[in-house]
N, C-alpha and C. Protein backbone atom coordinates (compact mmCIF):
# COMPACT_ATOMS: atom_id res chain seq x y z
N MET A 1 18.99 72.28 3.26
CA MET A 1 20.26 71.68 2.91
C MET A 1 21.02 71.37 4.19
N SER A 2 21.60 70.21 4.27
CA SER A 2 22.29 69.76 5.47
C SER A 2 23.77 70.10 5.42
N ASP A 3 24.34 70.32 6.58
CA ASP A 3 25.78 70.58 6.67
C ASP A 3 26.58 69.29 6.86
N GLN A 4 25.89 68.13 6.86
CA GLN A 4 26.60 66.87 7.09
C GLN A 4 27.60 66.65 5.96
N GLY A 5 28.75 66.17 6.32
CA GLY A 5 29.79 65.84 5.37
C GLY A 5 30.65 67.02 4.95
N ARG A 6 30.31 68.20 5.38
CA ARG A 6 31.13 69.37 5.04
C ARG A 6 32.22 69.55 6.07
N ASP A 7 33.36 70.04 5.60
CA ASP A 7 34.44 70.37 6.54
C ASP A 7 34.03 71.62 7.29
N LYS A 8 34.30 71.66 8.59
CA LYS A 8 33.94 72.82 9.39
C LYS A 8 34.68 74.08 8.95
N GLY A 9 35.89 73.96 8.49
CA GLY A 9 36.68 75.12 8.10
C GLY A 9 36.40 75.58 6.69
N ARG A 10 35.66 74.80 5.90
CA ARG A 10 35.42 75.10 4.50
C ARG A 10 34.43 76.26 4.35
N GLU A 11 34.72 77.18 3.42
CA GLU A 11 33.84 78.32 3.18
C GLU A 11 32.62 77.86 2.40
N ARG A 12 31.48 78.51 2.68
CA ARG A 12 30.25 78.22 1.96
C ARG A 12 29.74 79.51 1.34
N SER A 13 29.00 79.38 0.25
CA SER A 13 28.44 80.55 -0.41
C SER A 13 26.94 80.58 -0.23
N GLY A 14 26.41 81.77 -0.12
CA GLY A 14 24.98 81.97 0.01
C GLY A 14 24.45 82.71 -1.21
N PRO A 15 23.29 83.35 -1.09
CA PRO A 15 22.70 84.09 -2.20
C PRO A 15 23.65 85.15 -2.74
N GLN A 16 23.64 85.35 -4.04
CA GLN A 16 24.48 86.33 -4.73
C GLN A 16 25.97 86.13 -4.43
N GLY A 17 26.37 84.90 -4.09
CA GLY A 17 27.78 84.61 -3.84
C GLY A 17 28.28 85.13 -2.51
N THR A 18 27.40 85.55 -1.64
CA THR A 18 27.80 86.06 -0.33
C THR A 18 28.39 84.93 0.49
N MET A 19 29.50 85.20 1.14
CA MET A 19 30.15 84.19 1.96
C MET A 19 29.35 83.99 3.25
N LEU A 20 29.16 82.75 3.63
CA LEU A 20 28.49 82.42 4.88
C LEU A 20 29.54 82.03 5.91
N PHE A 21 29.39 82.49 7.13
CA PHE A 21 30.30 82.11 8.19
C PHE A 21 29.61 82.31 9.51
N GLN A 22 30.16 81.74 10.53
CA GLN A 22 29.61 81.86 11.87
C GLN A 22 29.95 83.22 12.46
N GLY A 23 29.10 83.72 13.34
CA GLY A 23 29.34 85.00 13.99
C GLY A 23 30.66 85.03 14.74
N ALA A 24 31.11 83.88 15.15
CA ALA A 24 32.37 83.81 15.89
C ALA A 24 33.57 84.03 14.98
N ALA A 25 33.34 84.09 13.64
CA ALA A 25 34.45 84.29 12.72
C ALA A 25 35.11 85.65 12.93
N LEU A 26 34.36 86.62 13.47
CA LEU A 26 34.94 87.90 13.82
C LEU A 26 35.11 87.95 15.32
N PRO A 27 36.25 88.39 15.79
CA PRO A 27 36.45 88.40 17.24
C PRO A 27 35.53 89.40 17.92
N GLU A 28 34.96 88.98 19.02
CA GLU A 28 34.16 89.89 19.84
C GLU A 28 35.14 90.75 20.61
N THR A 29 34.94 92.04 20.56
CA THR A 29 35.81 92.95 21.28
C THR A 29 35.05 93.44 22.49
N GLU A 30 35.57 93.13 23.65
CA GLU A 30 34.93 93.60 24.87
C GLU A 30 35.22 95.07 25.04
N THR A 31 34.20 95.82 25.41
CA THR A 31 34.37 97.25 25.62
C THR A 31 34.84 97.48 27.04
N SER A 32 36.07 97.86 27.17
CA SER A 32 36.62 98.15 28.49
C SER A 32 36.52 99.66 28.72
N GLU A 33 36.81 100.08 29.92
CA GLU A 33 36.77 101.50 30.22
C GLU A 33 37.77 102.25 29.35
N GLU A 34 38.90 101.60 29.07
CA GLU A 34 39.92 102.23 28.25
C GLU A 34 39.41 102.41 26.83
N GLN A 35 38.71 101.40 26.28
CA GLN A 35 38.22 101.47 24.92
C GLN A 35 37.06 102.44 24.78
N SER A 36 36.23 102.56 25.80
CA SER A 36 35.06 103.42 25.69
C SER A 36 35.44 104.90 25.75
N HIS A 37 36.68 105.19 26.15
CA HIS A 37 37.17 106.57 26.16
C HIS A 37 37.28 107.05 24.71
N THR A 38 36.76 108.23 24.43
CA THR A 38 36.81 108.79 23.08
C THR A 38 38.24 109.19 22.75
N PRO A 39 38.79 108.67 21.64
CA PRO A 39 40.17 109.02 21.26
C PRO A 39 40.24 110.49 20.83
N PRO A 40 41.45 111.08 20.86
CA PRO A 40 41.60 112.46 20.42
C PRO A 40 41.10 112.61 18.98
N GLY A 41 40.29 113.61 18.74
CA GLY A 41 39.75 113.80 17.39
C GLY A 41 38.46 113.05 17.16
N GLY A 42 38.04 112.23 18.11
CA GLY A 42 36.78 111.50 17.99
C GLY A 42 36.93 110.12 17.38
N HIS A 43 35.85 109.35 17.50
CA HIS A 43 35.81 108.00 16.92
C HIS A 43 35.68 108.10 15.40
N PRO A 44 36.01 107.02 14.69
CA PRO A 44 35.71 106.97 13.26
C PRO A 44 34.19 107.10 13.07
N VAL A 45 33.79 107.61 11.90
CA VAL A 45 32.38 107.88 11.68
C VAL A 45 32.03 107.69 10.20
N LEU A 46 30.79 107.28 9.95
CA LEU A 46 30.23 107.29 8.60
C LEU A 46 29.27 108.47 8.56
N VAL A 47 29.44 109.35 7.56
CA VAL A 47 28.58 110.54 7.43
C VAL A 47 27.70 110.35 6.21
N GLY A 48 26.37 110.47 6.41
CA GLY A 48 25.41 110.30 5.32
C GLY A 48 25.60 111.31 4.22
N VAL A 49 25.41 110.84 2.98
CA VAL A 49 25.65 111.68 1.82
C VAL A 49 24.34 112.15 1.18
N VAL A 50 23.38 111.25 1.00
CA VAL A 50 22.15 111.61 0.28
C VAL A 50 20.92 111.15 1.04
N GLY A 51 19.78 111.70 0.59
CA GLY A 51 18.48 111.26 1.09
C GLY A 51 18.29 111.48 2.58
N PRO A 52 17.55 110.58 3.20
CA PRO A 52 17.20 110.77 4.61
C PRO A 52 18.40 110.67 5.55
N PHE A 53 19.54 110.21 5.05
CA PHE A 53 20.71 110.04 5.89
C PHE A 53 21.72 111.19 5.72
N ARG A 54 21.39 112.19 4.91
CA ARG A 54 22.32 113.30 4.65
C ARG A 54 22.80 113.93 5.95
N GLN A 55 24.12 113.98 6.11
CA GLN A 55 24.83 114.54 7.26
C GLN A 55 24.59 113.78 8.57
N GLN A 56 23.85 112.67 8.53
CA GLN A 56 23.70 111.85 9.74
C GLN A 56 25.03 111.17 10.02
N ARG A 57 25.43 111.12 11.29
CA ARG A 57 26.72 110.55 11.67
C ARG A 57 26.50 109.23 12.40
N LEU A 58 27.15 108.19 11.87
CA LEU A 58 27.12 106.87 12.50
C LEU A 58 28.49 106.63 13.12
N THR A 59 28.57 106.70 14.43
CA THR A 59 29.85 106.55 15.13
C THR A 59 30.25 105.09 15.19
N LEU A 60 31.49 104.79 14.83
CA LEU A 60 32.00 103.43 14.86
C LEU A 60 32.79 103.25 16.15
N LYS A 61 32.09 102.84 17.19
CA LYS A 61 32.73 102.62 18.48
C LYS A 61 33.54 101.33 18.42
N PRO A 62 34.48 101.13 19.35
CA PRO A 62 35.29 99.91 19.34
C PRO A 62 34.42 98.65 19.38
N GLY A 63 34.83 97.65 18.60
CA GLY A 63 34.10 96.37 18.56
C GLY A 63 33.35 96.22 17.26
N LYS A 64 32.35 95.35 17.29
CA LYS A 64 31.56 94.99 16.11
C LYS A 64 30.15 95.53 16.28
N GLN A 65 29.64 96.22 15.25
CA GLN A 65 28.29 96.75 15.27
C GLN A 65 27.54 96.21 14.06
N SER A 66 26.29 95.77 14.29
CA SER A 66 25.48 95.27 13.18
C SER A 66 24.73 96.44 12.54
N VAL A 67 24.56 96.34 11.21
CA VAL A 67 23.86 97.36 10.44
C VAL A 67 22.74 96.68 9.68
N GLY A 68 21.55 97.26 9.70
CA GLY A 68 20.44 96.71 8.93
C GLY A 68 19.15 97.46 9.18
N ARG A 69 18.09 97.00 8.52
CA ARG A 69 16.79 97.64 8.62
C ARG A 69 16.02 97.20 9.87
N GLN A 70 16.35 96.01 10.37
CA GLN A 70 15.65 95.45 11.52
C GLN A 70 16.01 96.20 12.80
N GLY A 71 15.04 96.35 13.70
CA GLY A 71 15.20 97.14 14.91
C GLY A 71 16.22 96.64 15.90
N ASP A 72 16.62 95.36 15.84
CA ASP A 72 17.58 94.84 16.81
C ASP A 72 19.04 95.03 16.38
N ASN A 73 19.29 95.74 15.29
CA ASN A 73 20.66 96.05 14.88
C ASN A 73 21.21 97.19 15.74
N ASP A 74 22.54 97.25 15.84
CA ASP A 74 23.18 98.35 16.55
C ASP A 74 22.95 99.67 15.80
N ILE A 75 23.00 99.60 14.47
CA ILE A 75 22.74 100.77 13.62
C ILE A 75 21.58 100.40 12.71
N VAL A 76 20.45 101.10 12.88
CA VAL A 76 19.24 100.81 12.10
C VAL A 76 19.12 101.84 10.98
N LEU A 77 19.03 101.34 9.74
CA LEU A 77 18.85 102.20 8.56
C LEU A 77 17.49 101.90 7.96
N GLN A 78 16.52 102.78 8.16
CA GLN A 78 15.18 102.59 7.63
C GLN A 78 15.16 102.99 6.16
N GLU A 79 15.54 102.05 5.32
CA GLU A 79 15.62 102.25 3.86
C GLU A 79 15.29 100.90 3.24
N ASP A 80 14.35 100.87 2.28
CA ASP A 80 13.89 99.62 1.68
C ASP A 80 15.00 98.80 1.05
N SER A 81 16.05 99.44 0.53
CA SER A 81 17.13 98.71 -0.14
C SER A 81 18.13 98.09 0.83
N VAL A 82 17.99 98.39 2.13
CA VAL A 82 18.88 97.83 3.15
C VAL A 82 18.23 96.56 3.69
N SER A 83 18.98 95.47 3.76
CA SER A 83 18.46 94.20 4.26
C SER A 83 18.28 94.26 5.78
N SER A 84 17.46 93.35 6.30
CA SER A 84 17.20 93.36 7.74
C SER A 84 18.48 93.13 8.54
N GLN A 85 19.35 92.26 8.09
CA GLN A 85 20.68 92.04 8.67
C GLN A 85 21.66 92.25 7.53
N HIS A 86 22.13 93.48 7.33
CA HIS A 86 22.87 93.83 6.12
C HIS A 86 24.38 93.63 6.23
N ALA A 87 24.98 94.18 7.29
CA ALA A 87 26.45 94.16 7.38
C ALA A 87 26.91 94.32 8.82
N TRP A 88 28.21 94.13 9.01
CA TRP A 88 28.86 94.45 10.28
C TRP A 88 29.86 95.56 10.00
N LEU A 89 29.98 96.46 10.94
CA LEU A 89 31.06 97.44 10.95
C LEU A 89 31.96 97.07 12.12
N VAL A 90 33.24 96.90 11.86
CA VAL A 90 34.17 96.46 12.88
C VAL A 90 35.24 97.53 13.07
N ASN A 91 35.38 98.00 14.32
CA ASN A 91 36.41 98.97 14.68
C ASN A 91 37.36 98.25 15.63
N ASP A 92 38.52 97.89 15.11
CA ASP A 92 39.52 97.17 15.89
C ASP A 92 40.67 98.13 16.17
N SER A 93 40.57 98.84 17.29
CA SER A 93 41.59 99.83 17.71
C SER A 93 41.81 100.90 16.65
N GLY A 94 40.74 101.36 16.02
CA GLY A 94 40.83 102.42 15.03
C GLY A 94 40.93 101.94 13.60
N ALA A 95 41.30 100.67 13.39
CA ALA A 95 41.31 100.09 12.04
C ALA A 95 39.90 99.57 11.78
N CYS A 96 39.20 100.17 10.81
CA CYS A 96 37.80 99.84 10.58
C CYS A 96 37.62 99.06 9.29
N ARG A 97 36.65 98.16 9.32
CA ARG A 97 36.30 97.39 8.13
C ARG A 97 34.80 97.13 8.12
N VAL A 98 34.29 96.86 6.94
CA VAL A 98 32.88 96.53 6.76
C VAL A 98 32.81 95.10 6.23
N VAL A 99 31.84 94.34 6.75
CA VAL A 99 31.65 92.95 6.33
C VAL A 99 30.20 92.79 5.90
N ASN A 100 29.99 92.44 4.63
CA ASN A 100 28.64 92.21 4.12
C ASN A 100 28.10 90.89 4.66
N LEU A 101 26.84 90.89 5.06
CA LEU A 101 26.19 89.65 5.50
C LEU A 101 25.34 89.13 4.34
N LEU A 102 24.18 88.64 4.58
CA LEU A 102 23.35 88.09 3.51
C LEU A 102 22.47 89.18 2.89
N SER A 103 23.05 90.30 2.55
CA SER A 103 22.26 91.41 2.00
C SER A 103 21.89 91.14 0.55
N THR A 104 20.69 91.58 0.20
CA THR A 104 20.20 91.39 -1.16
C THR A 104 20.85 92.38 -2.12
N ASN A 105 20.96 93.64 -1.71
CA ASN A 105 21.47 94.69 -2.59
C ASN A 105 22.95 94.99 -2.42
N GLY A 106 23.61 94.26 -1.55
CA GLY A 106 25.05 94.36 -1.42
C GLY A 106 25.57 95.51 -0.59
N THR A 107 26.84 95.40 -0.26
CA THR A 107 27.60 96.44 0.43
C THR A 107 28.68 96.87 -0.55
N TRP A 108 28.81 98.17 -0.72
CA TRP A 108 29.69 98.73 -1.74
C TRP A 108 30.68 99.69 -1.09
N VAL A 109 31.93 99.64 -1.51
CA VAL A 109 32.95 100.59 -1.08
C VAL A 109 33.56 101.16 -2.36
N ASN A 110 33.44 102.48 -2.50
CA ASN A 110 33.95 103.18 -3.69
C ASN A 110 33.43 102.55 -4.98
N GLU A 111 32.12 102.29 -5.00
CA GLU A 111 31.41 101.75 -6.17
C GLU A 111 31.82 100.32 -6.55
N ARG A 112 32.47 99.60 -5.63
CA ARG A 112 32.82 98.19 -5.86
C ARG A 112 32.10 97.35 -4.82
N LYS A 113 31.38 96.32 -5.28
CA LYS A 113 30.68 95.42 -4.38
C LYS A 113 31.71 94.60 -3.61
N VAL A 114 31.55 94.56 -2.28
CA VAL A 114 32.55 93.88 -1.45
C VAL A 114 31.89 92.89 -0.52
N HIS A 115 32.65 91.87 -0.13
CA HIS A 115 32.23 90.98 0.97
C HIS A 115 32.82 91.54 2.26
N GLU A 116 34.09 91.95 2.19
CA GLU A 116 34.77 92.54 3.32
C GLU A 116 35.79 93.54 2.79
N ALA A 117 35.88 94.70 3.44
CA ALA A 117 36.83 95.72 2.98
C ALA A 117 37.30 96.55 4.16
N THR A 118 38.59 96.89 4.14
CA THR A 118 39.15 97.82 5.11
C THR A 118 38.79 99.23 4.65
N LEU A 119 38.37 100.07 5.58
CA LEU A 119 37.94 101.42 5.23
C LEU A 119 39.07 102.43 5.42
N ASN A 120 39.21 103.31 4.44
CA ASN A 120 40.19 104.39 4.47
C ASN A 120 39.46 105.72 4.47
N ASP A 121 40.07 106.73 5.05
CA ASP A 121 39.44 108.04 5.13
C ASP A 121 38.99 108.51 3.75
N GLY A 122 37.71 108.93 3.65
CA GLY A 122 37.17 109.41 2.39
C GLY A 122 36.47 108.36 1.56
N ASP A 123 36.53 107.09 1.95
CA ASP A 123 35.86 106.03 1.20
C ASP A 123 34.35 106.24 1.20
N HIS A 124 33.72 105.94 0.06
CA HIS A 124 32.26 105.97 -0.05
C HIS A 124 31.77 104.57 0.28
N VAL A 125 30.89 104.46 1.28
CA VAL A 125 30.36 103.17 1.72
C VAL A 125 28.85 103.20 1.48
N ARG A 126 28.33 102.16 0.80
CA ARG A 126 26.91 102.13 0.50
C ARG A 126 26.31 100.79 0.92
N PHE A 127 25.20 100.88 1.66
CA PHE A 127 24.40 99.72 2.05
C PHE A 127 23.11 99.84 1.24
N GLY A 128 22.94 99.03 0.18
CA GLY A 128 21.81 99.25 -0.70
C GLY A 128 21.95 100.63 -1.32
N ARG A 129 20.93 101.51 -1.10
CA ARG A 129 21.01 102.89 -1.60
C ARG A 129 21.40 103.89 -0.51
N ALA A 130 21.63 103.44 0.69
CA ALA A 130 22.04 104.33 1.79
C ALA A 130 23.55 104.56 1.68
N GLU A 131 23.93 105.80 1.34
CA GLU A 131 25.34 106.08 1.05
C GLU A 131 25.96 106.99 2.11
N PHE A 132 27.20 106.64 2.47
CA PHE A 132 27.93 107.35 3.51
C PHE A 132 29.38 107.56 3.07
N ILE A 133 30.04 108.52 3.72
CA ILE A 133 31.49 108.70 3.53
C ILE A 133 32.15 108.39 4.86
N PHE A 134 33.22 107.58 4.82
CA PHE A 134 33.95 107.19 6.02
C PHE A 134 34.97 108.27 6.37
N ARG A 135 34.97 108.66 7.64
CA ARG A 135 35.98 109.58 8.17
C ARG A 135 36.68 108.88 9.32
N HIS A 136 38.02 108.86 9.28
CA HIS A 136 38.78 108.18 10.31
C HIS A 136 38.59 108.83 11.67
N ARG A 137 38.40 110.15 11.67
CA ARG A 137 38.11 110.89 12.90
C ARG A 137 37.00 111.88 12.58
N ASP A 138 36.02 111.97 13.45
CA ASP A 138 34.89 112.87 13.24
C ASP A 138 35.30 114.30 13.59
N ASP A 139 35.48 115.13 12.57
CA ASP A 139 35.85 116.52 12.81
C ASP A 139 34.62 117.44 12.77
N GLY A 140 33.44 116.86 12.57
CA GLY A 140 32.20 117.62 12.57
C GLY A 140 31.89 118.34 11.28
N SER A 141 32.77 118.22 10.28
CA SER A 141 32.53 118.94 9.03
C SER A 141 31.49 118.22 8.17
N GLU A 142 30.87 118.99 7.29
CA GLU A 142 29.89 118.42 6.36
C GLU A 142 30.63 117.73 5.24
N VAL A 143 29.95 116.75 4.62
CA VAL A 143 30.54 116.07 3.47
C VAL A 143 29.76 116.48 2.23
N VAL A 144 30.46 116.50 1.10
CA VAL A 144 29.85 116.86 -0.17
C VAL A 144 29.62 115.58 -0.96
N PRO A 145 28.40 115.35 -1.43
CA PRO A 145 28.09 114.10 -2.15
C PRO A 145 28.58 114.12 -3.58
N THR A 146 29.89 114.09 -3.78
CA THR A 146 30.45 114.20 -5.12
C THR A 146 30.00 113.09 -6.04
N SER A 147 30.01 111.84 -5.60
CA SER A 147 29.61 110.75 -6.50
C SER A 147 28.13 110.78 -6.77
N GLY A 148 27.32 111.13 -5.77
CA GLY A 148 25.87 111.20 -5.97
C GLY A 148 25.50 112.30 -6.94
N VAL A 149 26.19 113.45 -6.87
CA VAL A 149 25.93 114.55 -7.78
C VAL A 149 26.30 114.14 -9.19
N ARG A 150 27.41 113.45 -9.34
CA ARG A 150 27.87 113.02 -10.65
C ARG A 150 26.86 112.06 -11.27
N ARG A 151 26.35 111.09 -10.51
CA ARG A 151 25.36 110.14 -11.02
C ARG A 151 24.09 110.87 -11.41
N SER A 152 23.67 111.81 -10.60
CA SER A 152 22.46 112.56 -10.87
C SER A 152 22.60 113.37 -12.16
N SER A 153 23.75 113.99 -12.38
CA SER A 153 23.99 114.77 -13.60
C SER A 153 23.90 113.89 -14.83
N TRP A 154 24.47 112.70 -14.76
CA TRP A 154 24.41 111.78 -15.90
C TRP A 154 22.99 111.34 -16.18
N ARG A 155 22.16 111.19 -15.15
CA ARG A 155 20.76 110.83 -15.38
C ARG A 155 20.06 111.94 -16.16
N TRP A 156 20.29 113.20 -15.79
CA TRP A 156 19.66 114.32 -16.49
C TRP A 156 20.17 114.43 -17.92
N ILE A 157 21.43 114.21 -18.13
CA ILE A 157 21.99 114.25 -19.48
C ILE A 157 21.37 113.15 -20.33
N GLY A 158 21.25 111.94 -19.76
CA GLY A 158 20.63 110.83 -20.48
C GLY A 158 19.19 111.12 -20.84
N LEU A 159 18.45 111.73 -19.91
CA LEU A 159 17.05 112.09 -20.17
C LEU A 159 16.97 113.13 -21.28
N ALA A 160 17.85 114.12 -21.26
CA ALA A 160 17.85 115.15 -22.29
C ALA A 160 18.15 114.55 -23.67
N VAL A 161 19.11 113.65 -23.75
CA VAL A 161 19.44 112.99 -25.02
C VAL A 161 18.25 112.18 -25.52
N ALA A 162 17.59 111.45 -24.63
CA ALA A 162 16.43 110.65 -25.03
C ALA A 162 15.31 111.54 -25.58
N ILE A 163 15.07 112.68 -24.96
CA ILE A 163 14.03 113.61 -25.44
C ILE A 163 14.40 114.15 -26.81
N LEU A 164 15.67 114.50 -27.02
CA LEU A 164 16.11 115.01 -28.32
C LEU A 164 15.95 113.95 -29.41
N VAL A 165 16.29 112.72 -29.11
CA VAL A 165 16.15 111.62 -30.08
C VAL A 165 14.68 111.42 -30.43
N LEU A 166 13.81 111.42 -29.42
CA LEU A 166 12.38 111.26 -29.68
C LEU A 166 11.83 112.41 -30.51
N ALA A 167 12.28 113.62 -30.25
CA ALA A 167 11.83 114.78 -31.02
C ALA A 167 12.28 114.66 -32.47
N ALA A 168 13.51 114.21 -32.70
CA ALA A 168 14.02 114.05 -34.06
C ALA A 168 13.24 112.97 -34.81
N VAL A 169 12.93 111.86 -34.14
CA VAL A 169 12.16 110.77 -34.76
C VAL A 169 10.75 111.26 -35.09
N ALA A 170 10.14 112.00 -34.19
CA ALA A 170 8.79 112.53 -34.42
C ALA A 170 8.80 113.48 -35.61
N ARG A 171 9.82 114.33 -35.72
CA ARG A 171 9.92 115.27 -36.84
C ARG A 171 10.05 114.53 -38.16
N VAL A 172 10.90 113.50 -38.20
CA VAL A 172 11.07 112.72 -39.43
C VAL A 172 9.76 112.05 -39.81
N LEU A 173 9.05 111.47 -38.86
CA LEU A 173 7.78 110.82 -39.13
C LEU A 173 6.72 111.80 -39.63
N LEU A 174 6.68 113.01 -39.05
CA LEU A 174 5.71 114.02 -39.48
C LEU A 174 6.01 114.55 -40.87
N GLU A 175 7.30 114.70 -41.21
CA GLU A 175 7.68 115.20 -42.56
C GLU A 175 7.45 114.15 -43.63
N SER A 176 7.49 112.87 -43.29
CA SER A 176 7.31 111.81 -44.30
C SER A 176 5.84 111.55 -44.59
N THR A 177 4.93 112.10 -43.82
CA THR A 177 3.50 111.89 -44.09
C THR A 177 2.85 113.03 -44.81
């Protein structure tokens, strides 16, 4: 598909309604000596909640960091549900946001699919199935996977209900013969 005839400022949509834009749409933040200094309390961080990323800390240094499965990303997440170029994490003087790129499985903040979202302390951030909790300052504490535990409990309850229904149907069928 050609870009001829399109306005340069006009937004375009990609797969799954993902917004397409040039890399220059986000300002490049040069890392100066002042910015590379660790702020009191540490840099903002994403702490892994489940699976292979549990308690893993992804430090959000000043500027823009790419996230994805491909090895040339700033943050590499080896998980099949994460796209090769999944998202950007942007730390602009401590104000952090996540920007979804052309990911297949989406970027989620607090169980809502987002194109771009500002992160607040305690937010659940998910790239595909790789789930993290955002902390404005890394205090080194462990995080508890409250949403993951809740989803897991509902799966077990659903399985138990399905087994009970099947047992009841089997009993009715056996009594009628």
